[in-house]
Amino acid sequence: TGLGLSISYQIVTDKHGGNLRCISALEQGTEFHIE
């Protein structure tokens, strides 16, 4: 359904005033930053 990260983003940013970011580049892996 593609709702997991959308809901996570809303909870972190809207409900708690935080930040949720994704940093990724081909052949270099992926990082998620939750603040």
PDB file of all heavy atoms in Angstrom:
ATOM      1  N   THR A   1       0.810  -1.218   0.000  1.00  0.00           N
ATOM      2  CA  THR A   1       0.000   0.000   0.000  1.00  0.00           C
ATOM      3  C   THR A   1       0.841   1.264   0.000  1.00  0.00           C
ATOM      4  O   THR A   1       0.342   2.335  -0.314  1.00  0.00           O
ATOM      5  CB  THR A   1      -0.926   0.039   1.232  1.00  0.00           C
ATOM      6  OG1 THR A   1      -0.113  -0.011   2.407  1.00  0.00           O
ATOM      7  CG2 THR A   1      -1.901  -1.108   1.210  1.00  0.00           C
ATOM      8  N   GLY A   2       2.111   1.164   0.376  1.00  0.00           N
ATOM      9  CA  GLY A   2       2.959   2.340   0.378  1.00  0.00           C
ATOM     10  C   GLY A   2       2.608   3.360   1.435  1.00  0.00           C
ATOM     11  O   GLY A   2       2.755   4.553   1.224  1.00  0.00           O
ATOM     12  N   LEU A   3       2.147   2.923   2.590  1.00  0.00           N
ATOM     13  CA  LEU A   3       1.761   3.860   3.638  1.00  0.00           C
ATOM     14  C   LEU A   3       2.741   3.932   4.801  1.00  0.00           C
ATOM     15  O   LEU A   3       2.718   4.878   5.569  1.00  0.00           O
ATOM     16  CB  LEU A   3       0.374   3.500   4.185  1.00  0.00           C
ATOM     17  CG  LEU A   3      -0.775   3.791   3.239  1.00  0.00           C
ATOM     18  CD1 LEU A   3      -2.075   3.245   3.806  1.00  0.00           C
ATOM     19  CD2 LEU A   3      -0.891   5.276   2.998  1.00  0.00           C
ATOM     20  N   GLY A   4       3.623   2.956   4.944  1.00  0.00           N
ATOM     21  CA  GLY A   4       4.491   2.880   6.118  1.00  0.00           C
ATOM     22  C   GLY A   4       5.353   4.104   6.347  1.00  0.00           C
ATOM     23  O   GLY A   4       5.331   4.695   7.433  1.00  0.00           O
ATOM     24  N   LEU A   5       6.130   4.523   5.359  1.00  0.00           N
ATOM     25  CA  LEU A   5       7.007   5.674   5.553  1.00  0.00           C
ATOM     26  C   LEU A   5       6.234   6.980   5.595  1.00  0.00           C
ATOM     27  O   LEU A   5       6.627   7.921   6.283  1.00  0.00           O
ATOM     28  CB  LEU A   5       8.089   5.719   4.469  1.00  0.00           C
ATOM     29  CG  LEU A   5       9.190   4.686   4.647  1.00  0.00           C
ATOM     30  CD1 LEU A   5      10.146   4.712   3.457  1.00  0.00           C
ATOM     31  CD2 LEU A   5       9.958   4.917   5.929  1.00  0.00           C
ATOM     32  N   SER A   6       5.118   7.051   4.887  1.00  0.00           N
ATOM     33  CA  SER A   6       4.288   8.254   4.935  1.00  0.00           C
ATOM     34  C   SER A   6       3.727   8.470   6.340  1.00  0.00           C
ATOM     35  O   SER A   6       3.771   9.579   6.884  1.00  0.00           O
ATOM     36  CB  SER A   6       3.145   8.142   3.923  1.00  0.00           C
ATOM     37  OG  SER A   6       2.267   9.231   4.045  1.00  0.00           O
ATOM     38  N   ILE A   7       3.220   7.403   6.931  1.00  0.00           N
ATOM     39  CA  ILE A   7       2.684   7.492   8.295  1.00  0.00           C
ATOM     40  C   ILE A   7       3.798   7.785   9.283  1.00  0.00           C
ATOM     41  O   ILE A   7       3.645   8.613  10.187  1.00  0.00           O
ATOM     42  CB  ILE A   7       1.924   6.207   8.659  1.00  0.00           C
ATOM     43  CG1 ILE A   7       0.644   6.114   7.828  1.00  0.00           C
ATOM     44  CG2 ILE A   7       1.617   6.151  10.151  1.00  0.00           C
ATOM     45  CD1 ILE A   7      -0.073   4.780   7.917  1.00  0.00           C
ATOM     46  N   SER A   8       4.950   7.143   9.115  1.00  0.00           N
ATOM     47  CA  SER A   8       6.090   7.410   9.999  1.00  0.00           C
ATOM     48  C   SER A   8       6.499   8.869   9.929  1.00  0.00           C
ATOM     49  O   SER A   8       6.762   9.506  10.953  1.00  0.00           O
ATOM     50  CB  SER A   8       7.279   6.526   9.611  1.00  0.00           C
ATOM     51  OG  SER A   8       6.959   5.177   9.758  1.00  0.00           O
ATOM     52  N   TYR A   9       6.549   9.421   8.722  1.00  0.00           N
ATOM     53  CA  TYR A   9       6.922  10.819   8.529  1.00  0.00           C
ATOM     54  C   TYR A   9       5.940  11.739   9.261  1.00  0.00           C
ATOM     55  O   TYR A   9       6.347  12.664   9.957  1.00  0.00           O
ATOM     56  CB  TYR A   9       6.955  11.151   7.035  1.00  0.00           C
ATOM     57  CG  TYR A   9       7.441  12.542   6.745  1.00  0.00           C
ATOM     58  CD1 TYR A   9       8.802  12.808   6.652  1.00  0.00           C
ATOM     59  CD2 TYR A   9       6.561  13.597   6.575  1.00  0.00           C
ATOM     60  CE1 TYR A   9       9.268  14.079   6.401  1.00  0.00           C
ATOM     61  CE2 TYR A   9       7.006  14.883   6.322  1.00  0.00           C
ATOM     62  CZ  TYR A   9       8.361  15.111   6.236  1.00  0.00           C
ATOM     63  OH  TYR A   9       8.815  16.380   5.995  1.00  0.00           O
ATOM     64  N   GLN A  10       4.636  11.461   9.117  1.00  0.00           N
ATOM     65  CA  GLN A  10       3.625  12.286   9.784  1.00  0.00           C
ATOM     66  C   GLN A  10       3.763  12.226  11.299  1.00  0.00           C
ATOM     67  O   GLN A  10       3.644  13.241  11.984  1.00  0.00           O
ATOM     68  CB  GLN A  10       2.223  11.847   9.377  1.00  0.00           C
ATOM     69  CG  GLN A  10       1.871  12.229   7.966  1.00  0.00           C
ATOM     70  CD  GLN A  10       0.492  11.729   7.580  1.00  0.00           C
ATOM     71  OE1 GLN A  10      -0.020  10.761   8.152  1.00  0.00           O
ATOM     72  NE2 GLN A  10      -0.104  12.386   6.606  1.00  0.00           N
ATOM     73  N   ILE A  11       4.007  11.044  11.825  1.00  0.00           N
ATOM     74  CA  ILE A  11       4.133  10.902  13.279  1.00  0.00           C
ATOM     75  C   ILE A  11       5.343  11.683  13.785  1.00  0.00           C
ATOM     76  O   ILE A  11       5.244  12.442  14.759  1.00  0.00           O
ATOM     77  CB  ILE A  11       4.238   9.417  13.683  1.00  0.00           C
ATOM     78  CG1 ILE A  11       2.904   8.723  13.444  1.00  0.00           C
ATOM     79  CG2 ILE A  11       4.680   9.273  15.141  1.00  0.00           C
ATOM     80  CD1 ILE A  11       2.958   7.207  13.566  1.00  0.00           C
ATOM     81  N   VAL A  12       6.483  11.516  13.131  1.00  0.00           N
ATOM     82  CA  VAL A  12       7.711  12.173  13.589  1.00  0.00           C
ATOM     83  C   VAL A  12       7.623  13.689  13.428  1.00  0.00           C
ATOM     84  O   VAL A  12       7.967  14.443  14.341  1.00  0.00           O
ATOM     85  CB  VAL A  12       8.948  11.615  12.830  1.00  0.00           C
ATOM     86  CG1 VAL A  12      10.188  12.444  13.117  1.00  0.00           C
ATOM     87  CG2 VAL A  12       9.187  10.165  13.203  1.00  0.00           C
ATOM     88  N   THR A  13       7.154  14.160  12.266  1.00  0.00           N
ATOM     89  CA  THR A  13       7.172  15.606  11.993  1.00  0.00           C
ATOM     90  C   THR A  13       5.952  16.331  12.542  1.00  0.00           C
ATOM     91  O   THR A  13       6.089  17.326  13.243  1.00  0.00           O
ATOM     92  CB  THR A  13       7.304  15.880  10.486  1.00  0.00           C
ATOM     93  OG1 THR A  13       6.195  15.325   9.790  1.00  0.00           O
ATOM     94  CG2 THR A  13       8.596  15.307   9.945  1.00  0.00           C
ATOM     95  N   ASP A  14       4.747  15.850  12.218  1.00  0.00           N
ATOM     96  CA  ASP A  14       3.532  16.565  12.618  1.00  0.00           C
ATOM     97  C   ASP A  14       3.204  16.384  14.091  1.00  0.00           C
ATOM     98  O   ASP A  14       2.879  17.349  14.782  1.00  0.00           O
ATOM     99  CB  ASP A  14       2.337  16.109  11.781  1.00  0.00           C
ATOM    100  CG  ASP A  14       2.490  16.445  10.302  1.00  0.00           C
ATOM    101  OD1 ASP A  14       3.365  17.269   9.959  1.00  0.00           O
ATOM    102  OD2 ASP A  14       1.735  15.865   9.493  1.00  0.00           O
ATOM    103  N   LYS A  15       3.266  15.168  14.565  1.00  0.00           N
ATOM    104  CA  LYS A  15       2.860  14.886  15.950  1.00  0.00           C
ATOM    105  C   LYS A  15       3.916  15.264  16.978  1.00  0.00           C
ATOM    106  O   LYS A  15       3.597  15.621  18.098  1.00  0.00           O
ATOM    107  CB  LYS A  15       2.512  13.402  16.117  1.00  0.00           C
ATOM    108  CG  LYS A  15       1.417  12.915  15.218  1.00  0.00           C
ATOM    109  CD  LYS A  15       0.081  13.493  15.597  1.00  0.00           C
ATOM    110  CE  LYS A  15      -1.000  12.885  14.700  1.00  0.00           C
ATOM    111  NZ  LYS A  15      -2.262  13.571  14.827  1.00  0.00           N
ATOM    112  N   HIS A  16       5.209  15.159  16.594  1.00  0.00           N
ATOM    113  CA  HIS A  16       6.280  15.379  17.569  1.00  0.00           C
ATOM    114  C   HIS A  16       7.206  16.531  17.224  1.00  0.00           C
ATOM    115  O   HIS A  16       8.133  16.825  17.978  1.00  0.00           O
ATOM    116  CB  HIS A  16       7.106  14.097  17.739  1.00  0.00           C
ATOM    117  CG  HIS A  16       6.300  12.963  18.296  1.00  0.00           C
ATOM    118  ND1 HIS A  16       5.911  12.902  19.620  1.00  0.00           N
ATOM    119  CD2 HIS A  16       5.786  11.857  17.704  1.00  0.00           C
ATOM    120  CE1 HIS A  16       5.207  11.809  19.824  1.00  0.00           C
ATOM    121  NE2 HIS A  16       5.104  11.156  18.681  1.00  0.00           N
ATOM    122  N   GLY A  17       7.001  17.187  16.079  1.00  0.00           N
ATOM    123  CA  GLY A  17       7.835  18.328  15.716  1.00  0.00           C
ATOM    124  C   GLY A  17       9.271  17.961  15.376  1.00  0.00           C
ATOM    125  O   GLY A  17      10.168  18.791  15.468  1.00  0.00           O
ATOM    126  N   GLY A  18       9.497  16.729  14.979  1.00  0.00           N
ATOM    127  CA  GLY A  18      10.850  16.272  14.670  1.00  0.00           C
ATOM    128  C   GLY A  18      11.147  16.300  13.182  1.00  0.00           C
ATOM    129  O   GLY A  18      10.441  16.937  12.397  1.00  0.00           O
ATOM    130  N   ASN A  19      12.186  15.589  12.811  1.00  0.00           N
ATOM    131  CA  ASN A  19      12.614  15.498  11.421  1.00  0.00           C
ATOM    132  C   ASN A  19      12.854  14.046  11.064  1.00  0.00           C
ATOM    133  O   ASN A  19      13.376  13.270  11.871  1.00  0.00           O
ATOM    134  CB  ASN A  19      13.929  16.260  11.196  1.00  0.00           C
ATOM    135  CG  ASN A  19      13.772  17.734  11.437  1.00  0.00           C
ATOM    136  OD1 ASN A  19      12.973  18.393  10.793  1.00  0.00           O
ATOM    137  ND2 ASN A  19      14.529  18.261  12.382  1.00  0.00           N
ATOM    138  N   LEU A  20      12.517  13.680   9.839  1.00  0.00           N
ATOM    139  CA  LEU A  20      12.798  12.354   9.307  1.00  0.00           C
ATOM    140  C   LEU A  20      13.341  12.555   7.902  1.00  0.00           C
ATOM    141  O   LEU A  20      12.666  13.113   7.043  1.00  0.00           O
ATOM    142  CB  LEU A  20      11.530  11.492   9.276  1.00  0.00           C
ATOM    143  CG  LEU A  20      11.636  10.089   8.675  1.00  0.00           C
ATOM    144  CD1 LEU A  20      12.721   9.269   9.355  1.00  0.00           C
ATOM    145  CD2 LEU A  20      10.301   9.369   8.774  1.00  0.00           C
ATOM    146  N   ARG A  21      14.600  12.154   7.704  1.00  0.00           N
ATOM    147  CA  ARG A  21      15.256  12.373   6.412  1.00  0.00           C
ATOM    148  C   ARG A  21      15.857  11.069   5.915  1.00  0.00           C
ATOM    149  O   ARG A  21      16.215  10.203   6.698  1.00  0.00           O
ATOM    150  CB  ARG A  21      16.380  13.403   6.536  1.00  0.00           C
ATOM    151  CG  ARG A  21      15.919  14.791   6.898  1.00  0.00           C
ATOM    152  CD  ARG A  21      17.057  15.780   6.958  1.00  0.00           C
ATOM    153  NE  ARG A  21      18.008  15.416   7.998  1.00  0.00           N
ATOM    154  CZ  ARG A  21      19.329  15.379   7.826  1.00  0.00           C
ATOM    155  NH1 ARG A  21      19.866  15.702   6.684  1.00  0.00           N
ATOM    156  NH2 ARG A  21      20.125  15.059   8.817  1.00  0.00           N
ATOM    157  N   CYS A  22      15.999  10.997   4.604  1.00  0.00           N
ATOM    158  CA  CYS A  22      16.649   9.864   3.979  1.00  0.00           C
ATOM    159  C   CYS A  22      17.781  10.381   3.104  1.00  0.00           C
ATOM    160  O   CYS A  22      17.592  11.298   2.303  1.00  0.00           O
ATOM    161  CB  CYS A  22      15.658   9.073   3.125  1.00  0.00           C
ATOM    162  SG  CYS A  22      16.436   7.717   2.236  1.00  0.00           S
ATOM    163  N   ILE A  23      18.948   9.796   3.277  1.00  0.00           N
ATOM    164  CA  ILE A  23      20.110  10.126   2.454  1.00  0.00           C
ATOM    165  C   ILE A  23      20.524   8.833   1.762  1.00  0.00           C
ATOM    166  O   ILE A  23      20.777   7.829   2.432  1.00  0.00           O
ATOM    167  CB  ILE A  23      21.261  10.680   3.307  1.00  0.00           C
ATOM    168  CG1 ILE A  23      20.816  11.948   4.019  1.00  0.00           C
ATOM    169  CG2 ILE A  23      22.501  10.917   2.459  1.00  0.00           C
ATOM    170  CD1 ILE A  23      21.758  12.417   5.093  1.00  0.00           C
ATOM    171  N   SER A  24      20.549   8.850   0.442  1.00  0.00           N
ATOM    172  CA  SER A  24      20.899   7.644  -0.286  1.00  0.00           C
ATOM    173  C   SER A  24      21.496   8.000  -1.632  1.00  0.00           C
ATOM    174  O   SER A  24      21.095   8.975  -2.262  1.00  0.00           O
ATOM    175  CB  SER A  24      19.661   6.765  -0.499  1.00  0.00           C
ATOM    176  OG  SER A  24      20.018   5.551  -1.137  1.00  0.00           O
ATOM    177  N   ALA A  25      22.446   7.218  -2.048  1.00  0.00           N
ATOM    178  CA  ALA A  25      23.051   7.356  -3.371  1.00  0.00           C
ATOM    179  C   ALA A  25      23.350   5.959  -3.884  1.00  0.00           C
ATOM    180  O   ALA A  25      23.701   5.058  -3.109  1.00  0.00           O
ATOM    181  CB  ALA A  25      24.322   8.192  -3.302  1.00  0.00           C
ATOM    182  N   LEU A  26      23.213   5.774  -5.186  1.00  0.00           N
ATOM    183  CA  LEU A  26      23.487   4.464  -5.764  1.00  0.00           C
ATOM    184  C   LEU A  26      24.889   4.007  -5.416  1.00  0.00           C
ATOM    185  O   LEU A  26      25.835   4.792  -5.430  1.00  0.00           O
ATOM    186  CB  LEU A  26      23.304   4.517  -7.279  1.00  0.00           C
ATOM    187  CG  LEU A  26      21.857   4.657  -7.747  1.00  0.00           C
ATOM    188  CD1 LEU A  26      21.800   4.807  -9.265  1.00  0.00           C
ATOM    189  CD2 LEU A  26      21.016   3.464  -7.306  1.00  0.00           C
ATOM    190  N   GLU A  27      25.004   2.750  -5.058  1.00  0.00           N
ATOM    191  CA  GLU A  27      26.269   2.108  -4.692  1.00  0.00           C
ATOM    192  C   GLU A  27      26.890   2.643  -3.404  1.00  0.00           C
ATOM    193  O   GLU A  27      28.041   2.352  -3.109  1.00  0.00           O
ATOM    194  CB  GLU A  27      27.297   2.193  -5.837  1.00  0.00           C
ATOM    195  CG  GLU A  27      26.802   1.654  -7.161  1.00  0.00           C
ATOM    196  CD  GLU A  27      26.339   0.203  -7.083  1.00  0.00           C
ATOM    197  OE1 GLU A  27      26.937  -0.596  -6.354  1.00  0.00           O
ATOM    198  OE2 GLU A  27      25.353  -0.122  -7.771  1.00  0.00           O
ATOM    199  N   GLN A  28      26.145   3.443  -2.630  1.00  0.00           N
ATOM    200  CA  GLN A  28      26.694   4.000  -1.395  1.00  0.00           C
ATOM    201  C   GLN A  28      25.815   3.749  -0.179  1.00  0.00           C
ATOM    202  O   GLN A  28      26.072   4.297   0.888  1.00  0.00           O
ATOM    203  CB  GLN A  28      26.947   5.495  -1.565  1.00  0.00           C
ATOM    204  CG  GLN A  28      28.004   5.784  -2.607  1.00  0.00           C
ATOM    205  CD  GLN A  28      28.362   7.253  -2.682  1.00  0.00           C
ATOM    206  OE1 GLN A  28      28.114   8.013  -1.743  1.00  0.00           O
ATOM    207  NE2 GLN A  28      28.941   7.651  -3.775  1.00  0.00           N
ATOM    208  N   GLY A  29      24.759   2.972  -0.325  1.00  0.00           N
ATOM    209  CA  GLY A  29      23.916   2.671   0.817  1.00  0.00           C
ATOM    210  C   GLY A  29      22.885   3.742   1.091  1.00  0.00           C
ATOM    211  O   GLY A  29      22.728   4.697   0.330  1.00  0.00           O
ATOM    212  N   THR A  30      22.183   3.549   2.199  1.00  0.00           N
ATOM    213  CA  THR A  30      21.083   4.436   2.579  1.00  0.00           C
ATOM    214  C   THR A  30      21.150   4.719   4.075  1.00  0.00           C
ATOM    215  O   THR A  30      21.501   3.848   4.854  1.00  0.00           O
ATOM    216  CB  THR A  30      19.737   3.779   2.231  1.00  0.00           C
ATOM    217  OG1 THR A  30      19.683   3.535   0.823  1.00  0.00           O
ATOM    218  CG2 THR A  30      18.560   4.644   2.633  1.00  0.00           C
ATOM    219  N   GLU A  31      20.803   5.941   4.450  1.00  0.00           N
ATOM    220  CA  GLU A  31      20.707   6.321   5.865  1.00  0.00           C
ATOM    221  C   GLU A  31      19.369   6.998   6.098  1.00  0.00           C
ATOM    222  O   GLU A  31      18.948   7.830   5.299  1.00  0.00           O
ATOM    223  CB  GLU A  31      21.810   7.319   6.254  1.00  0.00           C
ATOM    224  CG  GLU A  31      23.186   6.763   6.275  1.00  0.00           C
ATOM    225  CD  GLU A  31      24.206   7.776   6.776  1.00  0.00           C
ATOM    226  OE1 GLU A  31      23.827   8.886   7.212  1.00  0.00           O
ATOM    227  OE2 GLU A  31      25.390   7.462   6.733  1.00  0.00           O
ATOM    228  N   PHE A  32      18.737   6.649   7.205  1.00  0.00           N
ATOM    229  CA  PHE A  32      17.556   7.365   7.684  1.00  0.00           C
ATOM    230  C   PHE A  32      17.962   8.078   8.962  1.00  0.00           C
ATOM    231  O   PHE A  32      18.571   7.477   9.840  1.00  0.00           O
ATOM    232  CB  PHE A  32      16.391   6.411   7.955  1.00  0.00           C
ATOM    233  CG  PHE A  32      15.697   5.955   6.705  1.00  0.00           C
ATOM    234  CD1 PHE A  32      16.097   4.804   6.055  1.00  0.00           C
ATOM    235  CD2 PHE A  32      14.638   6.688   6.186  1.00  0.00           C
ATOM    236  CE1 PHE A  32      15.461   4.382   4.902  1.00  0.00           C
ATOM    237  CE2 PHE A  32      13.996   6.283   5.028  1.00  0.00           C
ATOM    238  CZ  PHE A  32      14.406   5.125   4.387  1.00  0.00           C
ATOM    239  N   HIS A  33      17.636   9.359   9.053  1.00  0.00           N
ATOM    240  CA  HIS A  33      17.930  10.166  10.239  1.00  0.00           C
ATOM    241  C   HIS A  33      16.591  10.555  10.872  1.00  0.00           C
ATOM    242  O   HIS A  33      15.754  11.179  10.225  1.00  0.00           O
ATOM    243  CB  HIS A  33      18.700  11.437   9.877  1.00  0.00           C
ATOM    244  CG  HIS A  33      20.039  11.165   9.279  1.00  0.00           C
ATOM    245  ND1 HIS A  33      21.195  11.591   9.859  1.00  0.00           N
ATOM    246  CD2 HIS A  33      20.413  10.487   8.182  1.00  0.00           C
ATOM    247  CE1 HIS A  33      22.223  11.202   9.129  1.00  0.00           C
ATOM    248  NE2 HIS A  33      21.773  10.528   8.087  1.00  0.00           N
ATOM    249  N   ILE A  34      16.426  10.186  12.123  1.00  0.00           N
ATOM    250  CA  ILE A  34      15.229  10.515  12.880  1.00  0.00           C
ATOM    251  C   ILE A  34      15.672  11.433  14.014  1.00  0.00           C
ATOM    252  O   ILE A  34      16.539  11.070  14.807  1.00  0.00           O
ATOM    253  CB  ILE A  34      14.558   9.252  13.450  1.00  0.00           C
ATOM    254  CG1 ILE A  34      14.282   8.253  12.334  1.00  0.00           C
ATOM    255  CG2 ILE A  34      13.284   9.622  14.196  1.00  0.00           C
ATOM    256  CD1 ILE A  34      13.993   6.852  12.838  1.00  0.00           C
ATOM    257  N   GLU A  35      15.073  12.602  14.067  1.00  0.00           N
ATOM    258  CA  GLU A  35      15.394  13.559  15.142  1.00  0.00           C
ATOM    259  C   GLU A  35      14.134  13.933  15.876  1.00  0.00           C
ATOM    260  O   GLU A  35      13.102  14.155  15.284  1.00  0.00           O
ATOM    261  CB  GLU A  35      16.019  14.823  14.564  1.00  0.00           C
ATOM    262  CG  GLU A  35      17.301  14.561  13.823  1.00  0.00           C
ATOM    263  CD  GLU A  35      17.801  15.792  13.087  1.00  0.00           C
ATOM    264  OE1 GLU A  35      16.985  16.552  12.530  1.00  0.00           O
ATOM    265  OE2 GLU A  35      19.017  15.990  13.083  1.00  0.00           O
TER     266      GLU A  35
END
